[in-house]
Amino acid sequence: MISATGITKVYGTLQVLKGINLQISKREIVSIVGDSGAGKTTLLQILGTLDSPSSGEVLYDGIRVSSLKQKPLADFRNRNIGFIFQFHQLLPEFSCIENVCMPGFIAGQSKSEAEKRAKELLDYLHLGHRYHHKPNELSGGEQQRCAVARALMNSPQVVFADEPSGNLDSKNANELHQLFLDLRRDFGYTFVIVTHNEDFADMADRKLVMKDGMIVDN
């Protein structure tokens, strides 16, 4: 589904990625581990089209996304890619359901269509009683599950997660890890996850170990 070939990334004189070749299959859960500074987040951002490689290319089912112009790339990202971050990045002035609806609104869905989909996701994630709560009224685990629902709003091909449990206690972290497995089982989602949690990394179908801008073990 995703093919990355010869991916490098250079910032000034610093080469962060040094020729990454990677294939990710549909319904696969891939974890990426490595010391800080190994290039994990940079690789995730390039695969997720949030950044461009200095050289090399990224293809989604044969579509060369690294060559798309700004507007077509933004549209592709909105419809095909979901993101989950360590600090959830929910908009504080909007309710849980409004945050989840945002990608749907950007994709042109009507209010009723978006809210129907958002409620289905929130119900699945056991947040049906939190539709109209603001982020500061949610627990840390609830905030992250709301962020998961937002990432899934447009039924993306792949979900990229950058340290998604890094800000959670062990109980909520374990529940989030299990949730990813359940979502793949129930809906066939594909996940690529940067994590320092070795137990979670080992639960993935494949664990990529990065060091000094290269994948040294997969």
C-alpha atoms as a PDB file:
ATOM      1  CA  MET A   1       0.000   0.000   0.000  1.00  0.00           C
ATOM      2  CA  ILE A   2       2.789   2.445   0.961  1.00  0.00           C
ATOM      3  CA  SER A   3       6.167   2.327  -0.701  1.00  0.00           C
ATOM      4  CA  ALA A   4       9.052   4.568   0.351  1.00  0.00           C
ATOM      5  CA  THR A   5      12.223   4.428  -1.742  1.00  0.00           C
ATOM      6  CA  GLY A   6      15.553   6.108  -1.108  1.00  0.00           C
ATOM      7  CA  ILE A   7      14.170   8.558   1.454  1.00  0.00           C
ATOM      8  CA  THR A   8      16.713  11.072   2.719  1.00  0.00           C
ATOM      9  CA  LYS A   9      16.199  14.246   4.743  1.00  0.00           C
ATOM     10  CA  VAL A  10      18.796  16.956   5.204  1.00  0.00           C
ATOM     11  CA  TYR A  11      18.516  20.071   7.371  1.00  0.00           C
ATOM     12  CA  GLY A  12      21.426  22.330   6.520  1.00  0.00           C
ATOM     13  CA  THR A  13      24.485  20.162   7.102  1.00  0.00           C
ATOM     14  CA  LEU A  14      22.612  17.626   9.246  1.00  0.00           C
ATOM     15  CA  GLN A  15      21.449  14.479   7.465  1.00  0.00           C
ATOM     16  CA  VAL A  16      18.558  13.095   9.511  1.00  0.00           C
ATOM     17  CA  LEU A  17      17.487  10.245   7.192  1.00  0.00           C
ATOM     18  CA  LYS A  18      20.014   8.317   5.131  1.00  0.00           C
ATOM     19  CA  GLY A  19      18.260   6.344   2.411  1.00  0.00           C
ATOM     20  CA  ILE A  20      15.168   4.673   3.884  1.00  0.00           C
ATOM     21  CA  ASN A  21      13.459   1.925   1.872  1.00  0.00           C
ATOM     22  CA  LEU A  22      10.188   0.712   3.337  1.00  0.00           C
ATOM     23  CA  GLN A  23       7.028  -1.136   2.330  1.00  0.00           C
ATOM     24  CA  ILE A  24       3.842  -1.068   4.444  1.00  0.00           C
ATOM     25  CA  SER A  25       0.958  -3.404   3.653  1.00  0.00           C
ATOM     26  CA  LYS A  26      -2.749  -2.848   4.170  1.00  0.00           C
ATOM     27  CA  ARG A  27      -4.013  -3.921   7.636  1.00  0.00           C
ATOM     28  CA  GLU A  28      -0.454  -4.032   8.981  1.00  0.00           C
ATOM     29  CA  ILE A  29       0.550  -2.573  12.353  1.00  0.00           C
ATOM     30  CA  VAL A  30       4.127  -1.330  12.200  1.00  0.00           C
ATOM     31  CA  SER A  31       6.005   0.086  15.178  1.00  0.00           C
ATOM     32  CA  ILE A  32       9.092   2.278  14.889  1.00  0.00           C
ATOM     33  CA  VAL A  33      11.525   2.412  17.796  1.00  0.00           C
ATOM     34  CA  GLY A  34      14.960   3.884  18.426  1.00  0.00           C
ATOM     35  CA  ASP A  35      16.817   6.387  20.556  1.00  0.00           C
ATOM     36  CA  SER A  36      15.907  10.070  20.491  1.00  0.00           C
ATOM     37  CA  GLY A  37      17.386  11.684  17.387  1.00  0.00           C
ATOM     38  CA  ALA A  38      17.317   8.469  15.357  1.00  0.00           C
ATOM     39  CA  GLY A  39      14.942  10.038  12.796  1.00  0.00           C
ATOM     40  CA  LYS A  40      11.696   8.293  13.805  1.00  0.00           C
ATOM     41  CA  THR A  41       9.416  11.330  13.832  1.00  0.00           C
ATOM     42  CA  THR A  42      10.996  12.762  10.675  1.00  0.00           C
ATOM     43  CA  LEU A  43      10.301   9.486   8.864  1.00  0.00           C
ATOM     44  CA  LEU A  44       6.731   9.423  10.192  1.00  0.00           C
ATOM     45  CA  GLN A  45       6.102  12.977   8.984  1.00  0.00           C
ATOM     46  CA  ILE A  46       7.454  12.200   5.514  1.00  0.00           C
ATOM     47  CA  LEU A  47       5.401   9.008   5.211  1.00  0.00           C
ATOM     48  CA  GLY A  48       2.376  10.992   6.397  1.00  0.00           C
ATOM     49  CA  THR A  49       3.013  13.767   3.818  1.00  0.00           C
ATOM     50  CA  LEU A  50       3.493  16.419   6.524  1.00  0.00           C
ATOM     51  CA  ASP A  51       7.058  16.904   5.279  1.00  0.00           C
ATOM     52  CA  SER A  52       8.879  16.284   2.010  1.00  0.00           C
ATOM     53  CA  PRO A  53      11.989  14.158   1.558  1.00  0.00           C
ATOM     54  CA  SER A  54      15.215  15.771   0.391  1.00  0.00           C
ATOM     55  CA  SER A  55      15.415  12.886  -2.076  1.00  0.00           C
ATOM     56  CA  GLY A  56      13.490   9.695  -2.748  1.00  0.00           C
ATOM     57  CA  GLU A  57       9.759   9.188  -3.170  1.00  0.00           C
ATOM     58  CA  VAL A  58       6.667   8.021  -1.300  1.00  0.00           C
ATOM     59  CA  LEU A  59       3.871   6.207  -3.149  1.00  0.00           C
ATOM     60  CA  TYR A  60       0.375   5.269  -1.964  1.00  0.00           C
ATOM     61  CA  ASP A  61      -1.007   2.513  -4.198  1.00  0.00           C
ATOM     62  CA  GLY A  62       1.157   3.871  -7.009  1.00  0.00           C
ATOM     63  CA  ILE A  63       0.281   7.536  -6.435  1.00  0.00           C
ATOM     64  CA  ARG A  64       3.484   9.566  -6.073  1.00  0.00           C
ATOM     65  CA  VAL A  65       2.339  11.783  -3.203  1.00  0.00           C
ATOM     66  CA  SER A  66       5.735  13.430  -2.788  1.00  0.00           C
ATOM     67  CA  SER A  67       5.197  15.156  -6.154  1.00  0.00           C
ATOM     68  CA  LEU A  68       1.639  16.436  -5.537  1.00  0.00           C
ATOM     69  CA  LYS A  69       1.052  20.194  -5.397  1.00  0.00           C
ATOM     70  CA  GLN A  70      -0.063  21.795  -2.129  1.00  0.00           C
ATOM     71  CA  LYS A  71      -3.873  21.711  -2.588  1.00  0.00           C
ATOM     72  CA  PRO A  72      -4.118  18.178  -4.090  1.00  0.00           C
ATOM     73  CA  LEU A  73      -1.733  16.948  -1.377  1.00  0.00           C
ATOM     74  CA  ALA A  74      -3.844  18.518   1.389  1.00  0.00           C
ATOM     75  CA  ASP A  75      -6.980  16.906  -0.074  1.00  0.00           C
ATOM     76  CA  PHE A  76      -5.234  13.525  -0.337  1.00  0.00           C
ATOM     77  CA  ARG A  77      -3.996  13.780   3.250  1.00  0.00           C
ATOM     78  CA  ASN A  78      -7.418  14.709   4.609  1.00  0.00           C
ATOM     79  CA  ARG A  79      -9.165  11.796   2.898  1.00  0.00           C
ATOM     80  CA  ASN A  80      -6.547   9.077   3.235  1.00  0.00           C
ATOM     81  CA  ILE A  81      -4.372   9.697   6.290  1.00  0.00           C
ATOM     82  CA  GLY A  82      -5.145  10.003   9.996  1.00  0.00           C
ATOM     83  CA  PHE A  83      -2.816  11.373  12.671  1.00  0.00           C
ATOM     84  CA  ILE A  84      -2.594  10.799  16.414  1.00  0.00           C
ATOM     85  CA  PHE A  85      -0.119  12.844  18.453  1.00  0.00           C
ATOM     86  CA  GLN A  86       1.261  12.513  21.970  1.00  0.00           C
ATOM     87  CA  PHE A  87      -0.559  15.623  23.202  1.00  0.00           C
ATOM     88  CA  HIS A  88      -3.826  14.922  21.327  1.00  0.00           C
ATOM     89  CA  GLN A  89      -3.958  18.434  19.729  1.00  0.00           C
ATOM     90  CA  LEU A  90      -7.695  18.820  20.315  1.00  0.00           C
ATOM     91  CA  LEU A  91      -9.078  22.326  19.781  1.00  0.00           C
ATOM     92  CA  PRO A  92      -9.967  23.558  23.293  1.00  0.00           C
ATOM     93  CA  GLU A  93     -12.862  25.802  22.265  1.00  0.00           C
ATOM     94  CA  PHE A  94     -14.790  22.954  20.598  1.00  0.00           C
ATOM     95  CA  SER A  95     -16.607  19.986  22.095  1.00  0.00           C
ATOM     96  CA  CYS A  96     -15.488  16.400  21.683  1.00  0.00           C
ATOM     97  CA  ILE A  97     -17.905  15.720  18.825  1.00  0.00           C
ATOM     98  CA  GLU A  98     -17.016  19.005  17.108  1.00  0.00           C
ATOM     99  CA  ASN A  99     -13.312  18.104  17.221  1.00  0.00           C
ATOM    100  CA  VAL A 100     -14.054  14.711  15.708  1.00  0.00           C
ATOM    101  CA  CYS A 101     -16.198  16.243  12.953  1.00  0.00           C
ATOM    102  CA  MET A 102     -13.479  18.646  11.757  1.00  0.00           C
ATOM    103  CA  PRO A 103     -11.842  16.360   9.148  1.00  0.00           C
ATOM    104  CA  GLY A 104     -15.300  15.551   7.801  1.00  0.00           C
ATOM    105  CA  PHE A 105     -16.189  19.215   7.422  1.00  0.00           C
ATOM    106  CA  ILE A 106     -12.874  19.840   5.634  1.00  0.00           C
ATOM    107  CA  ALA A 107     -13.730  16.970   3.268  1.00  0.00           C
ATOM    108  CA  GLY A 108     -17.077  18.611   2.457  1.00  0.00           C
ATOM    109  CA  GLN A 109     -19.424  16.463   4.539  1.00  0.00           C
ATOM    110  CA  SER A 110     -22.700  17.963   5.702  1.00  0.00           C
ATOM    111  CA  LYS A 111     -23.217  18.638   9.415  1.00  0.00           C
ATOM    112  CA  SER A 112     -25.674  15.746   9.760  1.00  0.00           C
ATOM    113  CA  GLU A 113     -23.423  13.339   7.838  1.00  0.00           C
ATOM    114  CA  ALA A 114     -20.338  14.284   9.855  1.00  0.00           C
ATOM    115  CA  GLU A 115     -22.123  14.109  13.206  1.00  0.00           C
ATOM    116  CA  LYS A 116     -23.563  10.681  12.391  1.00  0.00           C
ATOM    117  CA  ARG A 117     -20.097   9.327  11.634  1.00  0.00           C
ATOM    118  CA  ALA A 118     -18.578  11.050  14.681  1.00  0.00           C
ATOM    119  CA  LYS A 119     -21.196   9.573  17.012  1.00  0.00           C
ATOM    120  CA  GLU A 120     -20.568   6.084  15.620  1.00  0.00           C
ATOM    121  CA  LEU A 121     -16.859   6.449  16.356  1.00  0.00           C
ATOM    122  CA  LEU A 122     -17.331   7.967  19.801  1.00  0.00           C
ATOM    123  CA  ASP A 123     -19.808   5.260  20.751  1.00  0.00           C
ATOM    124  CA  TYR A 124     -17.336   2.580  19.650  1.00  0.00           C
ATOM    125  CA  LEU A 125     -14.636   4.263  21.735  1.00  0.00           C
ATOM    126  CA  HIS A 126     -16.917   4.420  24.815  1.00  0.00           C
ATOM    127  CA  LEU A 127     -17.260   8.200  24.644  1.00  0.00           C
ATOM    128  CA  GLY A 128     -20.973   8.362  23.896  1.00  0.00           C
ATOM    129  CA  HIS A 129     -21.539  10.196  27.188  1.00  0.00           C
ATOM    130  CA  ARG A 130     -18.903  12.821  26.307  1.00  0.00           C
ATOM    131  CA  TYR A 131     -20.210  14.207  22.987  1.00  0.00           C
ATOM    132  CA  HIS A 132     -20.577  17.774  24.224  1.00  0.00           C
ATOM    133  CA  HIS A 133     -17.727  17.987  26.721  1.00  0.00           C
ATOM    134  CA  LYS A 134     -14.792  20.293  26.002  1.00  0.00           C
ATOM    135  CA  PRO A 135     -11.287  18.760  26.055  1.00  0.00           C
ATOM    136  CA  ASN A 136     -10.520  20.223  29.492  1.00  0.00           C
ATOM    137  CA  GLU A 137     -13.541  18.338  30.833  1.00  0.00           C
ATOM    138  CA  LEU A 138     -12.152  14.988  29.652  1.00  0.00           C
ATOM    139  CA  SER A 139      -9.600  12.759  31.346  1.00  0.00           C
ATOM    140  CA  GLY A 140      -6.254  12.159  29.626  1.00  0.00           C
ATOM    141  CA  GLY A 141      -7.398   8.794  28.319  1.00  0.00           C
ATOM    142  CA  GLU A 142     -10.676  10.258  27.061  1.00  0.00           C
ATOM    143  CA  GLN A 143      -8.863  13.090  25.301  1.00  0.00           C
ATOM    144  CA  GLN A 144      -6.644  10.622  23.470  1.00  0.00           C
ATOM    145  CA  ARG A 145      -9.610   8.436  22.475  1.00  0.00           C
ATOM    146  CA  CYS A 146     -11.320  11.553  21.138  1.00  0.00           C
ATOM    147  CA  ALA A 147      -8.173  12.222  19.110  1.00  0.00           C
ATOM    148  CA  VAL A 148      -8.302   8.636  17.811  1.00  0.00           C
ATOM    149  CA  ALA A 149     -11.907   9.188  16.693  1.00  0.00           C
ATOM    150  CA  ARG A 150     -10.867  12.367  14.885  1.00  0.00           C
ATOM    151  CA  ALA A 151      -8.072  10.479  13.104  1.00  0.00           C
ATOM    152  CA  LEU A 152     -10.578   7.867  11.914  1.00  0.00           C
ATOM    153  CA  MET A 153     -13.280  10.324  10.838  1.00  0.00           C
ATOM    154  CA  ASN A 154     -12.702   9.955   7.091  1.00  0.00           C
ATOM    155  CA  SER A 155     -11.922   6.196   7.193  1.00  0.00           C
ATOM    156  CA  PRO A 156      -8.261   6.730   6.238  1.00  0.00           C
ATOM    157  CA  GLN A 157      -6.050   4.220   4.482  1.00  0.00           C
ATOM    158  CA  VAL A 158      -3.475   4.534   7.248  1.00  0.00           C
ATOM    159  CA  VAL A 159      -3.152   6.088  10.695  1.00  0.00           C
ATOM    160  CA  PHE A 160       0.194   7.518  11.823  1.00  0.00           C
ATOM    161  CA  ALA A 161       0.726   7.852  15.566  1.00  0.00           C
ATOM    162  CA  ASP A 162       3.673   9.643  17.193  1.00  0.00           C
ATOM    163  CA  GLU A 163       4.156   8.494  20.816  1.00  0.00           C
ATOM    164  CA  PRO A 164       0.353   8.201  21.233  1.00  0.00           C
ATOM    165  CA  SER A 165       0.595   6.787  24.764  1.00  0.00           C
ATOM    166  CA  GLY A 166       3.580   8.866  25.875  1.00  0.00           C
ATOM    167  CA  ASN A 167       1.426  11.231  27.927  1.00  0.00           C
ATOM    168  CA  LEU A 168      -0.773   8.525  29.509  1.00  0.00           C
ATOM    169  CA  ASP A 169      -0.495   6.486  32.683  1.00  0.00           C
ATOM    170  CA  SER A 170       0.159   2.757  32.304  1.00  0.00           C
ATOM    171  CA  LYS A 171      -3.529   1.772  32.529  1.00  0.00           C
ATOM    172  CA  ASN A 172      -4.670   4.199  29.837  1.00  0.00           C
ATOM    173  CA  ALA A 173      -1.605   3.404  27.729  1.00  0.00           C
ATOM    174  CA  ASN A 174      -2.410  -0.316  27.777  1.00  0.00           C
ATOM    175  CA  GLU A 175      -6.037   0.395  26.883  1.00  0.00           C
ATOM    176  CA  LEU A 176      -4.940   2.571  23.950  1.00  0.00           C
ATOM    177  CA  HIS A 177      -2.568  -0.107  22.704  1.00  0.00           C
ATOM    178  CA  GLN A 178      -5.343  -2.702  22.816  1.00  0.00           C
ATOM    179  CA  LEU A 179      -7.648  -0.256  21.024  1.00  0.00           C
ATOM    180  CA  PHE A 180      -5.312  -0.130  18.030  1.00  0.00           C
ATOM    181  CA  LEU A 181      -5.390  -3.928  17.805  1.00  0.00           C
ATOM    182  CA  ASP A 182      -9.191  -3.918  18.084  1.00  0.00           C
ATOM    183  CA  LEU A 183      -9.546  -1.284  15.355  1.00  0.00           C
ATOM    184  CA  ARG A 184      -7.408  -3.315  12.994  1.00  0.00           C
ATOM    185  CA  ARG A 185      -9.390  -6.460  13.800  1.00  0.00           C
ATOM    186  CA  ASP A 186     -12.831  -4.836  13.496  1.00  0.00           C
ATOM    187  CA  PHE A 187     -12.254  -2.366  10.640  1.00  0.00           C
ATOM    188  CA  GLY A 188      -9.000  -3.310   8.919  1.00  0.00           C
ATOM    189  CA  TYR A 189      -7.103  -0.120   9.690  1.00  0.00           C
ATOM    190  CA  THR A 190      -3.377   0.172   9.043  1.00  0.00           C
ATOM    191  CA  PHE A 191      -1.203   1.761  11.759  1.00  0.00           C
ATOM    192  CA  VAL A 192       2.352   3.088  11.747  1.00  0.00           C
ATOM    193  CA  ILE A 193       3.358   3.998  15.291  1.00  0.00           C
ATOM    194  CA  VAL A 194       6.444   5.653  16.740  1.00  0.00           C
ATOM    195  CA  THR A 195       6.796   4.555  20.361  1.00  0.00           C
ATOM    196  CA  HIS A 196       9.245   4.202  23.216  1.00  0.00           C
ATOM    197  CA  ASN A 197       6.987   1.581  24.811  1.00  0.00           C
ATOM    198  CA  GLU A 198       8.791  -1.673  24.054  1.00  0.00           C
ATOM    199  CA  ASP A 199       5.883  -3.867  25.157  1.00  0.00           C
ATOM    200  CA  PHE A 200       3.599  -2.116  22.691  1.00  0.00           C
ATOM    201  CA  ALA A 201       6.247  -2.133  19.970  1.00  0.00           C
ATOM    202  CA  ASP A 202       6.532  -5.895  20.334  1.00  0.00           C
ATOM    203  CA  MET A 203       2.742  -6.287  19.895  1.00  0.00           C
ATOM    204  CA  ALA A 204       2.979  -4.908  16.349  1.00  0.00           C
ATOM    205  CA  ASP A 205       3.175  -7.146  13.294  1.00  0.00           C
ATOM    206  CA  ARG A 206       6.593  -5.662  12.556  1.00  0.00           C
ATOM    207  CA  LYS A 207       9.037  -3.595  14.621  1.00  0.00           C
ATOM    208  CA  LEU A 208      11.427  -1.280  12.804  1.00  0.00           C
ATOM    209  CA  VAL A 209      14.507  -0.247  14.764  1.00  0.00           C
ATOM    210  CA  MET A 210      16.078   3.055  13.696  1.00  0.00           C
ATOM    211  CA  LYS A 211      19.581   4.285  14.450  1.00  0.00           C
ATOM    212  CA  ASP A 212      21.369   7.336  13.042  1.00  0.00           C
ATOM    213  CA  GLY A 213      18.790   7.915  10.302  1.00  0.00           C
ATOM    214  CA  MET A 214      18.658   4.323   9.083  1.00  0.00           C
ATOM    215  CA  ILE A 215      16.502   1.252   9.683  1.00  0.00           C
ATOM    216  CA  VAL A 216      18.901  -1.246  11.214  1.00  0.00           C
ATOM    217  CA  ASP A 217      16.421  -4.021  12.030  1.00  0.00           C
ATOM    218  CA  ASN A 218      12.965  -4.923  10.742  1.00  0.00           C
END
